[in-house]
N, C-alpha and C. Protein backbone atom coordinates (compact mmCIF):
# COMPACT_ATOMS: atom_id res chain seq x y z
N MET A 1 0.85 -1.19 0.05
CA MET A 1 0.05 0.02 0.03
C MET A 1 0.93 1.23 0.00
N ASP A 2 1.02 1.94 -1.14
CA ASP A 2 1.83 3.13 -1.29
C ASP A 2 1.06 4.41 -0.84
N MET A 3 1.79 5.51 -0.97
CA MET A 3 1.30 6.75 -0.51
C MET A 3 0.08 7.19 -1.39
N THR A 4 0.12 6.84 -2.65
CA THR A 4 -1.01 7.14 -3.51
C THR A 4 -2.26 6.55 -3.00
N PHE A 5 -2.23 5.31 -2.51
CA PHE A 5 -3.42 4.62 -2.04
C PHE A 5 -3.99 5.34 -0.85
N TRP A 6 -3.12 5.81 0.12
CA TRP A 6 -3.62 6.44 1.26
C TRP A 6 -4.17 7.77 0.99
N ILE A 7 -3.60 8.48 0.04
CA ILE A 7 -4.14 9.80 -0.44
C ILE A 7 -5.54 9.68 -0.99
N GLN A 8 -5.74 8.57 -1.83
CA GLN A 8 -6.95 8.29 -2.38
C GLN A 8 -7.98 8.00 -1.31
N LEU A 9 -7.57 7.20 -0.35
CA LEU A 9 -8.43 6.74 0.75
C LEU A 9 -8.88 7.96 1.56
N VAL A 10 -7.90 8.85 1.91
CA VAL A 10 -8.23 10.04 2.63
C VAL A 10 -9.19 11.01 1.92
N MET A 11 -8.95 11.22 0.56
CA MET A 11 -9.84 12.07 -0.20
C MET A 11 -11.29 11.42 -0.30
N VAL A 12 -11.36 10.14 -0.54
CA VAL A 12 -12.66 9.47 -0.61
C VAL A 12 -13.42 9.61 0.71
N CYS A 13 -12.81 9.44 1.79
CA CYS A 13 -13.36 9.47 3.14
C CYS A 13 -13.83 10.90 3.42
N PHE A 14 -12.95 11.89 3.06
CA PHE A 14 -13.29 13.31 3.37
C PHE A 14 -14.51 13.69 2.60
N LEU A 15 -14.50 13.38 1.32
CA LEU A 15 -15.64 13.69 0.51
C LEU A 15 -16.96 13.06 0.89
N GLY A 16 -16.87 11.81 1.41
CA GLY A 16 -17.99 11.10 1.89
C GLY A 16 -18.50 11.80 3.17
N ALA A 17 -17.57 12.17 4.11
CA ALA A 17 -17.97 12.81 5.34
C ALA A 17 -18.54 14.19 5.17
N ALA A 18 -17.96 14.95 4.25
CA ALA A 18 -18.39 16.41 4.06
C ALA A 18 -19.68 16.50 3.20
N SER A 19 -20.09 15.51 2.53
CA SER A 19 -21.31 15.58 1.69
C SER A 19 -22.53 15.78 2.60
N PRO A 20 -23.44 16.74 2.17
CA PRO A 20 -24.60 17.06 2.95
C PRO A 20 -25.57 15.85 3.07
N GLY A 21 -26.21 15.72 4.21
CA GLY A 21 -27.19 14.59 4.40
C GLY A 21 -27.67 14.53 5.85
N PRO A 22 -28.30 13.44 6.29
CA PRO A 22 -28.94 13.42 7.62
C PRO A 22 -27.81 13.50 8.65
N SER A 23 -26.64 12.98 8.35
CA SER A 23 -25.57 12.98 9.41
C SER A 23 -25.21 14.42 9.74
N LEU A 24 -25.07 15.25 8.73
CA LEU A 24 -24.73 16.64 8.95
C LEU A 24 -25.82 17.40 9.62
N ALA A 25 -27.05 17.07 9.24
CA ALA A 25 -28.21 17.73 9.94
C ALA A 25 -28.27 17.33 11.43
N LEU A 26 -27.95 15.99 11.63
CA LEU A 26 -27.94 15.57 13.11
C LEU A 26 -26.95 16.28 13.91
N VAL A 27 -25.71 16.39 13.44
CA VAL A 27 -24.60 16.99 14.20
C VAL A 27 -24.96 18.54 14.44
N ILE A 28 -25.39 19.18 13.39
CA ILE A 28 -25.79 20.56 13.48
C ILE A 28 -26.89 20.74 14.45
N GLY A 29 -27.90 19.98 14.33
CA GLY A 29 -29.10 19.96 15.25
C GLY A 29 -28.73 19.70 16.70
N ASN A 30 -27.94 18.68 16.85
CA ASN A 30 -27.59 18.38 18.29
C ASN A 30 -26.57 19.41 18.89
N SER A 31 -25.74 20.04 18.01
CA SER A 31 -24.89 21.12 18.51
C SER A 31 -25.58 22.34 18.96
N VAL A 32 -26.51 22.76 18.11
CA VAL A 32 -27.30 24.01 18.50
C VAL A 32 -28.38 23.79 19.48
N ALA A 33 -28.86 22.51 19.47
CA ALA A 33 -29.95 22.26 20.44
C ALA A 33 -29.43 21.92 21.85
N ARG A 34 -28.29 21.24 21.90
CA ARG A 34 -27.75 20.79 23.20
C ARG A 34 -26.33 21.15 23.51
N GLY A 35 -25.71 21.96 22.66
CA GLY A 35 -24.44 22.47 23.02
C GLY A 35 -23.20 21.75 22.41
N ARG A 36 -21.99 22.27 22.63
CA ARG A 36 -20.78 21.76 21.98
C ARG A 36 -20.52 20.27 22.39
N GLY A 37 -20.60 20.04 23.69
CA GLY A 37 -20.31 18.62 24.24
C GLY A 37 -21.14 17.66 23.54
N TYR A 38 -22.45 17.89 23.40
CA TYR A 38 -23.44 16.96 22.87
C TYR A 38 -23.12 16.78 21.38
N GLY A 39 -22.85 17.87 20.64
CA GLY A 39 -22.60 17.83 19.26
C GLY A 39 -21.23 17.03 18.94
N MET A 40 -20.18 17.24 19.73
CA MET A 40 -18.99 16.55 19.62
C MET A 40 -19.07 15.07 19.90
N ALA A 41 -19.86 14.75 20.95
CA ALA A 41 -20.08 13.29 21.29
C ALA A 41 -20.90 12.63 20.16
N THR A 42 -21.83 13.39 19.49
CA THR A 42 -22.52 12.85 18.39
C THR A 42 -21.56 12.58 17.25
N GLY A 43 -20.62 13.47 16.95
CA GLY A 43 -19.64 13.25 15.94
C GLY A 43 -18.76 12.03 16.22
N VAL A 44 -18.34 11.85 17.45
CA VAL A 44 -17.47 10.75 17.91
C VAL A 44 -18.24 9.33 17.65
N GLY A 45 -19.53 9.31 18.06
CA GLY A 45 -20.38 8.17 17.82
C GLY A 45 -20.48 7.84 16.40
N HIS A 46 -20.70 8.93 15.64
CA HIS A 46 -20.82 8.77 14.16
C HIS A 46 -19.58 8.17 13.58
N ALA A 47 -18.48 8.65 14.03
CA ALA A 47 -17.14 8.04 13.56
C ALA A 47 -17.00 6.67 13.90
N ALA A 48 -17.51 6.23 15.12
CA ALA A 48 -17.46 4.87 15.44
C ALA A 48 -18.17 3.93 14.48
N GLY A 49 -19.37 4.35 13.99
CA GLY A 49 -20.06 3.69 13.05
C GLY A 49 -19.44 3.60 11.64
N ILE A 50 -18.76 4.73 11.29
CA ILE A 50 -18.02 4.77 10.06
C ILE A 50 -16.83 3.84 10.13
N THR A 51 -16.15 3.80 11.30
CA THR A 51 -14.99 2.84 11.46
C THR A 51 -15.39 1.42 11.22
N LEU A 52 -16.65 1.14 11.80
CA LEU A 52 -17.15 -0.25 11.63
C LEU A 52 -17.44 -0.55 10.17
N TRP A 53 -18.14 0.43 9.49
CA TRP A 53 -18.44 0.28 8.08
C TRP A 53 -17.10 0.02 7.21
N GLY A 54 -16.15 0.88 7.49
CA GLY A 54 -14.92 0.78 6.83
C GLY A 54 -14.18 -0.61 6.97
N PHE A 55 -14.28 -1.10 8.25
CA PHE A 55 -13.74 -2.38 8.40
C PHE A 55 -14.49 -3.55 7.81
N LEU A 56 -15.74 -3.43 7.95
CA LEU A 56 -16.62 -4.53 7.33
C LEU A 56 -16.47 -4.50 5.80
N THR A 57 -16.33 -3.39 5.14
CA THR A 57 -16.09 -3.23 3.76
C THR A 57 -14.74 -3.84 3.35
N ALA A 58 -13.70 -3.50 4.18
CA ALA A 58 -12.37 -4.01 3.90
C ALA A 58 -12.36 -5.52 3.94
N VAL A 59 -13.08 -6.17 4.86
CA VAL A 59 -13.01 -7.64 4.93
C VAL A 59 -14.02 -8.30 4.05
N GLY A 60 -14.81 -7.49 3.37
CA GLY A 60 -15.73 -8.14 2.38
C GLY A 60 -17.08 -8.47 2.92
N ALA A 61 -17.41 -8.02 4.16
CA ALA A 61 -18.62 -8.49 4.84
C ALA A 61 -19.80 -7.74 4.16
N THR A 62 -19.60 -6.53 3.63
CA THR A 62 -20.71 -5.80 3.06
C THR A 62 -21.18 -6.39 1.72
N GLU A 63 -20.46 -7.24 1.15
CA GLU A 63 -20.86 -7.92 -0.10
C GLU A 63 -22.15 -8.72 0.13
N VAL A 64 -22.32 -9.11 1.39
CA VAL A 64 -23.61 -9.83 1.71
C VAL A 64 -24.84 -9.08 1.35
N MET A 65 -24.71 -7.82 1.53
CA MET A 65 -25.95 -6.96 1.19
C MET A 65 -26.25 -7.01 -0.21
N ASN A 66 -25.30 -7.27 -1.11
CA ASN A 66 -25.64 -7.37 -2.55
C ASN A 66 -26.58 -8.56 -2.81
N TYR A 67 -26.43 -9.53 -1.99
CA TYR A 67 -27.19 -10.77 -2.32
C TYR A 67 -28.39 -11.04 -1.36
N HIS A 68 -28.50 -10.14 -0.35
CA HIS A 68 -29.62 -10.27 0.56
C HIS A 68 -30.24 -8.86 0.67
N SER A 69 -31.16 -8.54 -0.18
CA SER A 69 -31.86 -7.28 -0.17
C SER A 69 -32.61 -6.98 1.10
N GLY A 70 -33.03 -8.07 1.78
CA GLY A 70 -33.78 -7.88 3.02
C GLY A 70 -33.02 -7.06 4.10
N LEU A 71 -31.66 -7.30 4.10
CA LEU A 71 -30.84 -6.64 4.99
C LEU A 71 -30.98 -5.08 4.81
N MET A 72 -30.94 -4.67 3.55
CA MET A 72 -31.04 -3.25 3.29
C MET A 72 -32.42 -2.67 3.69
N VAL A 73 -33.43 -3.46 3.60
CA VAL A 73 -34.79 -3.09 4.02
C VAL A 73 -34.88 -2.83 5.50
N VAL A 74 -34.19 -3.77 6.14
CA VAL A 74 -34.23 -3.73 7.67
C VAL A 74 -33.47 -2.47 8.09
N MET A 75 -32.31 -2.18 7.38
CA MET A 75 -31.50 -1.02 7.71
C MET A 75 -32.32 0.31 7.45
N GLN A 76 -33.01 0.31 6.33
CA GLN A 76 -33.80 1.39 5.97
C GLN A 76 -34.93 1.76 7.02
N ILE A 77 -35.57 0.65 7.50
CA ILE A 77 -36.61 0.81 8.49
C ILE A 77 -35.95 1.31 9.79
N GLY A 78 -34.88 0.66 10.23
CA GLY A 78 -34.15 1.08 11.45
C GLY A 78 -33.77 2.57 11.35
N GLY A 79 -33.14 2.88 10.21
CA GLY A 79 -32.70 4.26 10.04
C GLY A 79 -33.82 5.28 10.00
N ALA A 80 -34.93 4.91 9.48
CA ALA A 80 -36.10 5.86 9.37
C ALA A 80 -36.68 6.07 10.88
N ILE A 81 -36.64 5.00 11.63
CA ILE A 81 -37.14 5.19 13.00
C ILE A 81 -36.24 6.07 13.84
N VAL A 82 -34.92 5.87 13.70
CA VAL A 82 -33.99 6.73 14.34
C VAL A 82 -34.05 8.19 13.94
N LEU A 83 -34.17 8.36 12.60
CA LEU A 83 -34.29 9.74 12.11
C LEU A 83 -35.58 10.42 12.57
N ALA A 84 -36.68 9.67 12.58
CA ALA A 84 -37.89 10.27 13.08
C ALA A 84 -37.83 10.65 14.54
N TYR A 85 -37.21 9.78 15.34
CA TYR A 85 -37.08 10.05 16.86
C TYR A 85 -36.22 11.31 17.06
N VAL A 86 -34.95 11.27 16.48
CA VAL A 86 -34.07 12.35 16.70
C VAL A 86 -34.58 13.64 16.08
N GLY A 87 -35.15 13.56 14.87
CA GLY A 87 -35.60 14.74 14.14
C GLY A 87 -36.71 15.36 14.95
N MET A 88 -37.62 14.62 15.55
CA MET A 88 -38.72 15.21 16.38
C MET A 88 -38.17 15.90 17.62
N ARG A 89 -37.08 15.23 18.27
CA ARG A 89 -36.55 15.73 19.46
C ARG A 89 -35.82 17.11 19.18
N ILE A 90 -35.10 17.14 18.14
CA ILE A 90 -34.32 18.35 17.72
C ILE A 90 -35.34 19.46 17.29
N PHE A 91 -36.37 19.12 16.59
CA PHE A 91 -37.40 20.09 16.20
C PHE A 91 -38.10 20.74 17.36
N ARG A 92 -38.31 20.00 18.38
CA ARG A 92 -39.08 20.44 19.63
C ARG A 92 -38.17 21.16 20.63
N SER A 93 -36.86 20.96 20.40
CA SER A 93 -35.93 21.56 21.40
C SER A 93 -35.72 23.10 21.14
N LYS A 94 -35.41 23.72 22.30
CA LYS A 94 -34.96 25.14 22.12
C LYS A 94 -33.48 25.12 22.10
N SER A 95 -32.88 25.98 21.40
CA SER A 95 -31.42 26.04 21.22
C SER A 95 -30.72 26.21 22.56
N TYR A 96 -29.77 25.31 22.89
CA TYR A 96 -28.93 25.38 24.05
C TYR A 96 -28.17 26.71 24.00
N LEU A 97 -27.67 27.07 22.78
CA LEU A 97 -26.75 28.22 22.68
C LEU A 97 -27.52 29.57 22.91
N GLU A 98 -28.83 29.49 22.97
CA GLU A 98 -29.64 30.71 23.39
C GLU A 98 -30.31 30.45 24.77
N ASN A 99 -30.15 29.28 25.31
CA ASN A 99 -30.72 28.92 26.56
C ASN A 99 -29.72 28.02 27.38
N GLN A 100 -28.74 28.67 27.90
CA GLN A 100 -27.57 27.96 28.46
C GLN A 100 -27.70 27.50 29.95
N GLN A 101 -28.87 27.44 30.44
CA GLN A 101 -29.07 26.99 31.87
C GLN A 101 -28.68 25.53 32.08
N GLU A 102 -28.79 24.74 31.02
CA GLU A 102 -28.70 23.27 31.17
C GLU A 102 -27.25 22.79 30.96
N ASN A 103 -26.24 23.67 31.08
CA ASN A 103 -24.89 23.34 30.72
C ASN A 103 -24.35 22.09 31.46
N VAL A 104 -24.55 22.12 32.77
CA VAL A 104 -24.04 21.04 33.69
C VAL A 104 -24.75 19.69 33.38
N LEU A 105 -26.04 19.81 33.16
CA LEU A 105 -26.85 18.58 32.85
C LEU A 105 -26.36 17.93 31.58
N LEU A 106 -26.14 18.67 30.57
CA LEU A 106 -25.86 18.20 29.23
C LEU A 106 -24.47 17.68 29.10
N MET A 107 -23.52 17.90 30.10
CA MET A 107 -22.27 17.37 30.05
C MET A 107 -22.02 16.11 30.87
N ARG A 108 -23.14 15.56 31.40
CA ARG A 108 -22.99 14.40 32.14
C ARG A 108 -22.71 13.15 31.28
N PRO A 109 -21.90 12.15 31.75
CA PRO A 109 -21.55 11.05 30.94
C PRO A 109 -22.64 10.34 30.28
N GLY A 110 -23.79 10.13 31.04
CA GLY A 110 -24.91 9.42 30.52
C GLY A 110 -25.50 10.22 29.32
N ILE A 111 -25.56 11.56 29.46
CA ILE A 111 -26.15 12.32 28.34
C ILE A 111 -25.29 12.28 27.12
N LEU A 112 -23.92 12.36 27.30
CA LEU A 112 -22.97 12.30 26.25
C LEU A 112 -23.00 11.03 25.60
N PHE A 113 -23.20 9.93 26.33
CA PHE A 113 -23.20 8.59 25.71
C PHE A 113 -24.47 8.52 24.88
N LYS A 114 -25.55 9.10 25.26
CA LYS A 114 -26.86 9.13 24.44
C LYS A 114 -26.50 9.80 23.15
N ALA A 115 -25.75 10.91 23.13
CA ALA A 115 -25.40 11.61 21.96
C ALA A 115 -24.56 10.70 21.06
N ALA A 116 -23.58 10.03 21.63
CA ALA A 116 -22.71 9.17 20.81
C ALA A 116 -23.53 8.04 20.21
N ARG A 117 -24.50 7.56 20.97
CA ARG A 117 -25.37 6.38 20.46
C ARG A 117 -26.22 6.84 19.27
N GLU A 118 -26.68 8.08 19.32
CA GLU A 118 -27.48 8.72 18.26
C GLU A 118 -26.57 8.78 16.98
N GLY A 119 -25.31 9.31 17.17
CA GLY A 119 -24.45 9.41 16.04
C GLY A 119 -24.14 8.02 15.44
N PHE A 120 -23.85 7.07 16.34
CA PHE A 120 -23.55 5.71 15.83
C PHE A 120 -24.68 5.14 15.04
N LEU A 121 -25.92 5.23 15.57
CA LEU A 121 -27.08 4.60 14.91
C LEU A 121 -27.38 5.30 13.56
N ILE A 122 -27.17 6.68 13.52
CA ILE A 122 -27.44 7.35 12.21
C ILE A 122 -26.43 6.88 11.21
N SER A 123 -25.11 6.75 11.56
CA SER A 123 -24.14 6.28 10.59
C SER A 123 -24.27 4.84 10.17
N PHE A 124 -24.55 3.99 11.20
CA PHE A 124 -24.61 2.52 10.81
C PHE A 124 -25.92 2.15 10.13
N LEU A 125 -27.03 2.85 10.38
CA LEU A 125 -28.31 2.53 9.78
C LEU A 125 -28.64 3.48 8.59
N ASN A 126 -27.72 4.25 8.15
CA ASN A 126 -28.04 5.21 7.07
C ASN A 126 -27.77 4.52 5.76
N PRO A 127 -28.83 4.25 4.90
CA PRO A 127 -28.56 3.58 3.60
C PRO A 127 -27.66 4.32 2.74
N LYS A 128 -27.62 5.72 2.81
CA LYS A 128 -26.71 6.48 1.98
C LYS A 128 -25.30 6.16 2.28
N ILE A 129 -24.97 5.90 3.55
CA ILE A 129 -23.64 5.48 3.98
C ILE A 129 -23.29 4.10 3.53
N ALA A 130 -24.31 3.21 3.65
CA ALA A 130 -24.11 1.86 3.14
C ALA A 130 -23.74 1.87 1.64
N LEU A 131 -24.49 2.62 0.86
CA LEU A 131 -24.32 2.60 -0.56
C LEU A 131 -22.87 3.26 -0.88
N PHE A 132 -22.56 4.23 -0.07
CA PHE A 132 -21.22 4.85 -0.25
C PHE A 132 -20.10 3.79 -0.15
N PHE A 133 -20.19 2.99 0.95
CA PHE A 133 -19.11 1.99 1.20
C PHE A 133 -19.26 0.88 0.18
N LEU A 134 -20.44 0.52 -0.30
CA LEU A 134 -20.61 -0.55 -1.28
C LEU A 134 -20.11 -0.14 -2.66
N ALA A 135 -20.42 1.17 -3.00
CA ALA A 135 -20.22 1.53 -4.35
C ALA A 135 -18.84 2.23 -4.54
N ILE A 136 -18.35 2.90 -3.53
CA ILE A 136 -17.06 3.66 -3.72
C ILE A 136 -15.98 3.12 -2.88
N PHE A 137 -16.12 3.03 -1.54
CA PHE A 137 -15.01 2.62 -0.65
C PHE A 137 -14.56 1.24 -1.05
N SER A 138 -15.42 0.38 -1.42
CA SER A 138 -15.05 -1.02 -1.74
C SER A 138 -14.10 -1.17 -2.92
N HIS A 139 -14.11 -0.14 -3.76
CA HIS A 139 -13.17 -0.24 -4.93
C HIS A 139 -11.76 0.03 -4.50
N LEU A 140 -11.51 0.51 -3.31
CA LEU A 140 -10.22 0.70 -2.82
C LEU A 140 -9.63 -0.54 -2.20
N VAL A 141 -10.44 -1.60 -2.01
CA VAL A 141 -10.09 -2.83 -1.29
C VAL A 141 -9.58 -3.77 -2.40
N TYR A 142 -8.43 -4.33 -2.30
CA TYR A 142 -7.95 -5.29 -3.24
C TYR A 142 -7.39 -6.51 -2.57
N PRO A 143 -7.36 -7.68 -3.24
CA PRO A 143 -6.91 -8.91 -2.62
C PRO A 143 -5.46 -8.81 -2.13
N GLY A 144 -5.22 -9.40 -1.02
CA GLY A 144 -3.85 -9.43 -0.44
C GLY A 144 -3.59 -8.54 0.64
N LEU A 145 -4.64 -7.70 0.95
CA LEU A 145 -4.48 -6.77 2.11
C LEU A 145 -4.43 -7.62 3.40
N SER A 146 -3.49 -7.21 4.25
CA SER A 146 -3.30 -7.87 5.58
C SER A 146 -4.45 -7.42 6.45
N TRP A 147 -4.63 -8.14 7.53
CA TRP A 147 -5.68 -7.81 8.59
C TRP A 147 -5.38 -6.46 9.13
N SER A 148 -4.12 -6.14 9.45
CA SER A 148 -3.73 -4.86 10.01
C SER A 148 -4.06 -3.70 9.02
N GLU A 149 -3.88 -3.87 7.78
CA GLU A 149 -4.19 -2.92 6.77
C GLU A 149 -5.68 -2.72 6.71
N LYS A 150 -6.52 -3.81 6.80
CA LYS A 150 -7.90 -3.58 6.73
C LYS A 150 -8.40 -2.87 7.98
N VAL A 151 -7.87 -3.25 9.11
CA VAL A 151 -8.26 -2.52 10.33
C VAL A 151 -7.88 -1.06 10.20
N LEU A 152 -6.71 -0.76 9.66
CA LEU A 152 -6.24 0.60 9.60
C LEU A 152 -7.16 1.40 8.62
N MET A 153 -7.64 0.82 7.53
CA MET A 153 -8.58 1.41 6.64
C MET A 153 -9.79 1.86 7.42
N GLY A 154 -10.33 1.07 8.17
CA GLY A 154 -11.48 1.39 8.97
C GLY A 154 -11.22 2.54 9.94
N ILE A 155 -10.06 2.52 10.64
CA ILE A 155 -9.63 3.59 11.52
C ILE A 155 -9.45 4.86 10.86
N VAL A 156 -8.88 4.90 9.61
CA VAL A 156 -8.66 6.14 8.88
C VAL A 156 -10.05 6.69 8.47
N ALA A 157 -10.90 5.89 7.97
CA ALA A 157 -12.33 6.30 7.64
C ALA A 157 -13.00 6.97 8.77
N GLY A 158 -12.95 6.34 9.96
CA GLY A 158 -13.56 6.82 11.16
C GLY A 158 -12.94 8.12 11.62
N PHE A 159 -11.57 8.17 11.64
CA PHE A 159 -10.84 9.34 12.12
C PHE A 159 -11.24 10.61 11.26
N ILE A 160 -11.24 10.38 9.96
CA ILE A 160 -11.59 11.64 9.13
C ILE A 160 -12.97 12.05 9.29
N ASP A 161 -13.90 11.06 9.40
CA ASP A 161 -15.30 11.32 9.68
C ASP A 161 -15.49 12.09 11.03
N GLY A 162 -14.89 11.52 12.03
CA GLY A 162 -14.92 12.15 13.35
C GLY A 162 -14.39 13.57 13.42
N LEU A 163 -13.22 13.69 12.77
CA LEU A 163 -12.54 15.06 12.70
C LEU A 163 -13.53 16.11 11.96
N TRP A 164 -14.17 15.64 10.94
CA TRP A 164 -15.03 16.55 10.22
C TRP A 164 -16.23 16.95 11.12
N TYR A 165 -16.94 16.04 11.72
CA TYR A 165 -18.09 16.38 12.40
C TYR A 165 -17.88 17.01 13.85
N VAL A 166 -16.73 16.70 14.42
CA VAL A 166 -16.36 17.37 15.66
C VAL A 166 -15.95 18.82 15.34
N SER A 167 -15.31 19.03 14.19
CA SER A 167 -15.00 20.39 13.71
C SER A 167 -16.26 21.21 13.55
N VAL A 168 -17.28 20.53 12.88
CA VAL A 168 -18.54 21.27 12.62
C VAL A 168 -19.16 21.68 14.00
N ALA A 169 -19.16 20.81 15.02
CA ALA A 169 -19.77 21.09 16.25
C ALA A 169 -19.03 22.25 16.97
N ILE A 170 -17.62 22.19 16.82
CA ILE A 170 -16.81 23.21 17.49
C ILE A 170 -17.02 24.56 16.82
N PHE A 171 -17.12 24.54 15.46
CA PHE A 171 -17.29 25.81 14.76
C PHE A 171 -18.67 26.49 15.09
N LEU A 172 -19.66 25.65 14.99
CA LEU A 172 -21.03 26.21 15.28
C LEU A 172 -21.17 26.79 16.67
N THR A 173 -20.47 26.20 17.66
CA THR A 173 -20.64 26.59 19.06
C THR A 173 -19.50 27.47 19.54
N GLY A 174 -18.57 27.90 18.57
CA GLY A 174 -17.48 28.73 18.89
C GLY A 174 -17.82 30.21 18.61
N ILE A 175 -16.80 31.06 18.79
CA ILE A 175 -17.09 32.56 18.77
C ILE A 175 -17.57 32.92 17.32
N VAL A 176 -16.94 32.38 16.28
CA VAL A 176 -17.35 32.70 14.94
C VAL A 176 -18.69 32.20 14.56
N GLY A 177 -18.98 30.98 14.94
CA GLY A 177 -20.34 30.35 14.71
C GLY A 177 -21.38 31.07 15.44
N ILE A 178 -21.21 31.37 16.65
CA ILE A 178 -22.23 32.13 17.40
C ILE A 178 -22.40 33.55 16.78
N GLY A 179 -21.31 34.20 16.39
CA GLY A 179 -21.41 35.50 15.84
C GLY A 179 -22.26 35.46 14.53
N MET A 180 -22.01 34.39 13.66
CA MET A 180 -22.71 34.31 12.41
C MET A 180 -24.20 33.97 12.52
N PHE A 181 -24.54 33.12 13.58
CA PHE A 181 -25.90 32.68 13.67
C PHE A 181 -26.64 33.20 14.94
N ARG A 182 -26.11 34.15 15.53
CA ARG A 182 -26.81 34.69 16.81
C ARG A 182 -28.21 35.11 16.50
N GLY A 183 -29.09 34.63 17.30
CA GLY A 183 -30.54 34.93 17.15
C GLY A 183 -31.19 33.92 16.13
N LYS A 184 -30.43 33.06 15.49
CA LYS A 184 -30.99 32.22 14.51
C LYS A 184 -30.83 30.76 14.86
N PHE A 185 -30.38 30.49 16.11
CA PHE A 185 -30.09 29.08 16.50
C PHE A 185 -31.38 28.22 16.62
N ASN A 186 -32.42 28.75 17.19
CA ASN A 186 -33.69 28.10 17.29
C ASN A 186 -34.18 27.68 15.89
N LEU A 187 -34.09 28.65 14.95
CA LEU A 187 -34.52 28.36 13.57
C LEU A 187 -33.65 27.26 12.91
N LEU A 188 -32.32 27.34 13.11
CA LEU A 188 -31.40 26.36 12.68
C LEU A 188 -31.68 24.95 13.23
N SER A 189 -32.00 24.99 14.55
CA SER A 189 -32.39 23.66 15.22
C SER A 189 -33.65 23.05 14.52
N LYS A 190 -34.64 23.92 14.31
CA LYS A 190 -35.93 23.39 13.77
C LYS A 190 -35.71 22.99 12.29
N LEU A 191 -34.87 23.64 11.55
CA LEU A 191 -34.56 23.33 10.19
C LEU A 191 -33.91 21.97 10.15
N SER A 192 -32.99 21.76 11.08
CA SER A 192 -32.28 20.43 11.09
C SER A 192 -33.25 19.34 11.42
N GLY A 193 -34.24 19.59 12.33
CA GLY A 193 -35.22 18.64 12.69
C GLY A 193 -36.13 18.30 11.50
N VAL A 194 -36.46 19.30 10.74
CA VAL A 194 -37.35 19.14 9.58
C VAL A 194 -36.60 18.32 8.53
N ILE A 195 -35.29 18.48 8.28
CA ILE A 195 -34.51 17.65 7.36
C ILE A 195 -34.53 16.20 7.80
N LEU A 196 -34.30 15.94 9.06
CA LEU A 196 -34.24 14.63 9.58
C LEU A 196 -35.60 13.96 9.45
N LEU A 197 -36.67 14.65 9.74
CA LEU A 197 -37.96 14.10 9.63
C LEU A 197 -38.35 13.82 8.21
N SER A 198 -37.87 14.66 7.31
CA SER A 198 -38.14 14.51 5.85
C SER A 198 -37.42 13.31 5.36
N MET A 199 -36.22 13.09 5.81
CA MET A 199 -35.46 11.90 5.43
C MET A 199 -36.13 10.59 5.93
N SER A 200 -36.71 10.71 7.18
CA SER A 200 -37.36 9.55 7.68
C SER A 200 -38.59 9.19 6.91
N ILE A 201 -39.44 10.21 6.52
CA ILE A 201 -40.57 10.00 5.71
C ILE A 201 -40.17 9.37 4.38
N TYR A 202 -39.09 9.90 3.83
CA TYR A 202 -38.64 9.37 2.45
C TYR A 202 -38.26 7.92 2.59
N LEU A 203 -37.65 7.53 3.70
CA LEU A 203 -37.21 6.14 3.84
C LEU A 203 -38.40 5.25 4.06
N PHE A 204 -39.27 5.70 4.92
CA PHE A 204 -40.50 4.93 5.12
C PHE A 204 -41.26 4.75 3.85
N GLY A 205 -41.41 5.76 3.06
CA GLY A 205 -42.05 5.76 1.73
C GLY A 205 -41.38 4.82 0.75
N LYS A 206 -39.99 4.81 0.75
CA LYS A 206 -39.24 4.00 -0.11
C LYS A 206 -39.43 2.54 0.19
N VAL A 207 -39.45 2.23 1.51
CA VAL A 207 -39.64 0.81 1.96
C VAL A 207 -40.99 0.39 1.61
N ALA A 208 -42.04 1.24 1.81
CA ALA A 208 -43.38 0.89 1.59
C ALA A 208 -43.59 0.57 0.11
N TRP A 209 -43.03 1.46 -0.77
CA TRP A 209 -43.17 1.30 -2.25
C TRP A 209 -42.51 -0.01 -2.74
N ALA A 210 -41.31 -0.26 -2.11
CA ALA A 210 -40.56 -1.50 -2.53
C ALA A 210 -41.32 -2.80 -2.14
N LEU A 211 -41.90 -2.71 -0.89
CA LEU A 211 -42.67 -3.88 -0.45
C LEU A 211 -44.01 -4.09 -1.33
N TRP A 212 -44.68 -2.91 -1.58
CA TRP A 212 -45.92 -3.02 -2.37
C TRP A 212 -45.60 -3.44 -3.79
N SER A 213 -44.46 -3.04 -4.35
CA SER A 213 -44.22 -3.44 -5.83
C SER A 213 -43.69 -4.87 -5.93
N SER A 214 -43.21 -5.42 -4.83
CA SER A 214 -42.64 -6.79 -4.96
C SER A 214 -43.76 -7.88 -4.93
């Protein structure tokens, strides 16, 4: 594995992480609704899911999904449920950045673990991410890779993903982000919730149509 391979891997992972979608909406929504710590924990949990996806793709486990469409349906249903739950919570929340009384409560380990769990579930059950790894990431995997190299591919994917989303959380809750969006955080929180709910409805509709057509 030469330097060119790792540069390609880093670029593919960054483009995958930075592309707009429910994951970005979740991190933005959690950051503005519940603060920097909650947003960063969401990003770390999301990165854990991406690390797992990267490793599963490297060892060839994701190829099973090409032959068992039912697994994708189960993932879509699970992802839709998570998106609906988190989207509704974010939509109904008042922005932490404009209501900072809950600072101590939201930094408790149990609360941060919940944020990480939300991030993990969104990344692991997101069909968009599954398709990314099946269609793009898998082309970087070639026969002869050692187990250590496969594990490292997953770690690199997760690290880049986590770095991106943690940076998003830090930016939004930092001086520059607060200055840019002051007075608009409640609107941004509700917009993030609407995006997540819309994605949930889309996934439910897609599954229903697929089942009805079969």
